[in-house]
C-alpha atoms as a PDB file:
ATOM      1  CA  UNK A   1     127.052  64.009  86.274  1.00  0.00           C
ATOM      2  CA  UNK A   2     124.895  67.145  86.305  1.00  0.00           C
ATOM      3  CA  UNK A   3     124.921  69.453  89.116  1.00  0.00           C
ATOM      4  CA  UNK A   4     122.286  72.243  90.323  1.00  0.00           C
ATOM      5  CA  UNK A   5     123.649  75.656  91.552  1.00  0.00           C
ATOM      6  CA  UNK A   6     122.379  78.044  94.249  1.00  0.00           C
ATOM      7  CA  UNK A   7     123.929  81.314  95.777  1.00  0.00           C
ATOM      8  CA  UNK A   8     124.676  81.162  99.395  1.00  0.00           C
ATOM      9  CA  UNK A   9     122.106  83.829  99.862  1.00  0.00           C
ATOM     10  CA  UNK A  10     119.336  81.732  98.366  1.00  0.00           C
ATOM     11  CA  UNK A  11     120.429  78.794 100.266  1.00  0.00           C
ATOM     12  CA  UNK A  12     120.261  80.826 103.601  1.00  0.00           C
ATOM     13  CA  UNK A  13     116.955  82.044 102.701  1.00  0.00           C
ATOM     14  CA  UNK A  14     115.451  78.671 101.782  1.00  0.00           C
ATOM     15  CA  UNK A  15     117.427  75.732 103.158  1.00  0.00           C
ATOM     16  CA  UNK A  16     114.536  73.407 102.592  1.00  0.00           C
ATOM     17  CA  UNK A  17     114.479  74.204  98.668  1.00  0.00           C
ATOM     18  CA  UNK A  18     118.287  73.343  98.678  1.00  0.00           C
ATOM     19  CA  UNK A  19     117.473  69.967 100.377  1.00  0.00           C
ATOM     20  CA  UNK A  20     115.066  69.133  97.609  1.00  0.00           C
ATOM     21  CA  UNK A  21     117.332  70.051  95.069  1.00  0.00           C
ATOM     22  CA  UNK A  22     120.129  67.986  96.473  1.00  0.00           C
ATOM     23  CA  UNK A  23     117.690  64.956  96.542  1.00  0.00           C
ATOM     24  CA  UNK A  24     117.736  64.969  92.671  1.00  0.00           C
ATOM     25  CA  UNK A  25     121.328  65.729  92.124  1.00  0.00           C
ATOM     26  CA  UNK A  26     124.290  67.439  93.801  1.00  0.00           C
ATOM     27  CA  UNK A  27     123.690  71.069  94.783  1.00  0.00           C
ATOM     28  CA  UNK A  28     126.749  73.373  94.406  1.00  0.00           C
ATOM     29  CA  UNK A  29     126.406  76.427  96.737  1.00  0.00           C
ATOM     30  CA  UNK A  30     128.228  79.497  95.330  1.00  0.00           C
ATOM     31  CA  UNK A  31     129.748  82.514  96.990  1.00  0.00           C
ATOM     32  CA  UNK A  32     130.511  85.574  94.912  1.00  0.00           C
ATOM     33  CA  UNK A  33     130.228  83.477  91.655  1.00  0.00           C
ATOM     34  CA  UNK A  34     132.557  80.760  92.759  1.00  0.00           C
ATOM     35  CA  UNK A  35     131.711  77.204  94.017  1.00  0.00           C
ATOM     36  CA  UNK A  36     132.381  76.823  97.800  1.00  0.00           C
ATOM     37  CA  UNK A  37     130.107  73.889  99.029  1.00  0.00           C
ATOM     38  CA  UNK A  38     128.505  70.881  97.692  1.00  0.00           C
ATOM     39  CA  UNK A  39     125.237  69.518  99.378  1.00  0.00           C
ATOM     40  CA  UNK A  40     124.513  65.808  98.504  1.00  0.00           C
ATOM     41  CA  UNK A  41     122.390  62.972  99.926  1.00  0.00           C
ATOM     42  CA  UNK A  42     124.042  61.232 102.767  1.00  0.00           C
ATOM     43  CA  UNK A  43     123.549  57.952 100.882  1.00  0.00           C
ATOM     44  CA  UNK A  44     125.448  59.289  97.833  1.00  0.00           C
ATOM     45  CA  UNK A  45     128.136  60.457 100.254  1.00  0.00           C
ATOM     46  CA  UNK A  46     128.601  56.988 101.865  1.00  0.00           C
ATOM     47  CA  UNK A  47     128.633  55.359  98.405  1.00  0.00           C
ATOM     48  CA  UNK A  48     131.178  57.623  96.854  1.00  0.00           C
ATOM     49  CA  UNK A  49     133.390  59.089  99.408  1.00  0.00           C
ATOM     50  CA  UNK A  50     137.028  57.750  99.098  1.00  0.00           C
ATOM     51  CA  UNK A  51     135.640  54.740  97.392  1.00  0.00           C
ATOM     52  CA  UNK A  52     138.680  53.127  95.476  1.00  0.00           C
ATOM     53  CA  UNK A  53     137.902  52.370  91.928  1.00  0.00           C
ATOM     54  CA  UNK A  54     139.623  49.988  89.724  1.00  0.00           C
ATOM     55  CA  UNK A  55     140.921  50.935  86.505  1.00  0.00           C
ATOM     56  CA  UNK A  56     138.377  48.844  84.970  1.00  0.00           C
ATOM     57  CA  UNK A  57     135.575  50.740  86.869  1.00  0.00           C
ATOM     58  CA  UNK A  58     136.895  54.109  86.149  1.00  0.00           C
ATOM     59  CA  UNK A  59     137.144  53.386  82.293  1.00  0.00           C
ATOM     60  CA  UNK A  60     133.812  51.832  82.343  1.00  0.00           C
ATOM     61  CA  UNK A  61     132.018  54.996  83.888  1.00  0.00           C
ATOM     62  CA  UNK A  62     129.637  56.146  81.266  1.00  0.00           C
ATOM     63  CA  UNK A  63     128.989  59.478  83.035  1.00  0.00           C
ATOM     64  CA  UNK A  64     132.898  60.553  82.926  1.00  0.00           C
ATOM     65  CA  UNK A  65     133.421  63.782  81.239  1.00  0.00           C
ATOM     66  CA  UNK A  66     136.235  62.333  79.431  1.00  0.00           C
ATOM     67  CA  UNK A  67     134.085  60.158  77.439  1.00  0.00           C
ATOM     68  CA  UNK A  68     135.445  61.503  73.930  1.00  0.00           C
ATOM     69  CA  UNK A  69     137.210  58.889  71.998  1.00  0.00           C
ATOM     70  CA  UNK A  70     140.944  59.801  72.048  1.00  0.00           C
ATOM     71  CA  UNK A  71     141.962  60.424  68.412  1.00  0.00           C
ATOM     72  CA  UNK A  72     145.516  61.956  68.176  1.00  0.00           C
ATOM     73  CA  UNK A  73     146.480  63.764  65.077  1.00  0.00           C
ATOM     74  CA  UNK A  74     149.277  61.638  62.985  1.00  0.00           C
ATOM     75  CA  UNK A  75     152.578  63.088  63.670  1.00  0.00           C
ATOM     76  CA  UNK A  76     154.267  64.473  60.440  1.00  0.00           C
ATOM     77  CA  UNK A  77     157.894  64.595  60.876  1.00  0.00           C
ATOM     78  CA  UNK A  78     158.484  65.697  57.435  1.00  0.00           C
ATOM     79  CA  UNK A  79     161.000  64.498  54.908  1.00  0.00           C
ATOM     80  CA  UNK A  80     164.432  64.424  56.487  1.00  0.00           C
ATOM     81  CA  UNK A  81     167.744  63.142  55.036  1.00  0.00           C
ATOM     82  CA  UNK A  82     169.430  60.583  57.236  1.00  0.00           C
ATOM     83  CA  UNK A  83     173.217  60.332  57.740  1.00  0.00           C
ATOM     84  CA  UNK A  84     175.055  57.329  58.751  1.00  0.00           C
END
């Protein structure tokens, strides 16, 4: 999911622009370079707030930031002598 960013000063100067941006995608409002608030449409809030997800739904999510296939490196334990 993509976000739009706006400083708190810009938000205070032009809240209507912030609402227009939030209609398109979530708007992150920053203070001193750190994210502090998120402005989203109420319909999006109702749809997503504390909505339980099944494991299937979580794995099916195509917009997840964890979409990369998991390809672990093969473990090499080396050649070891075994004593019995």
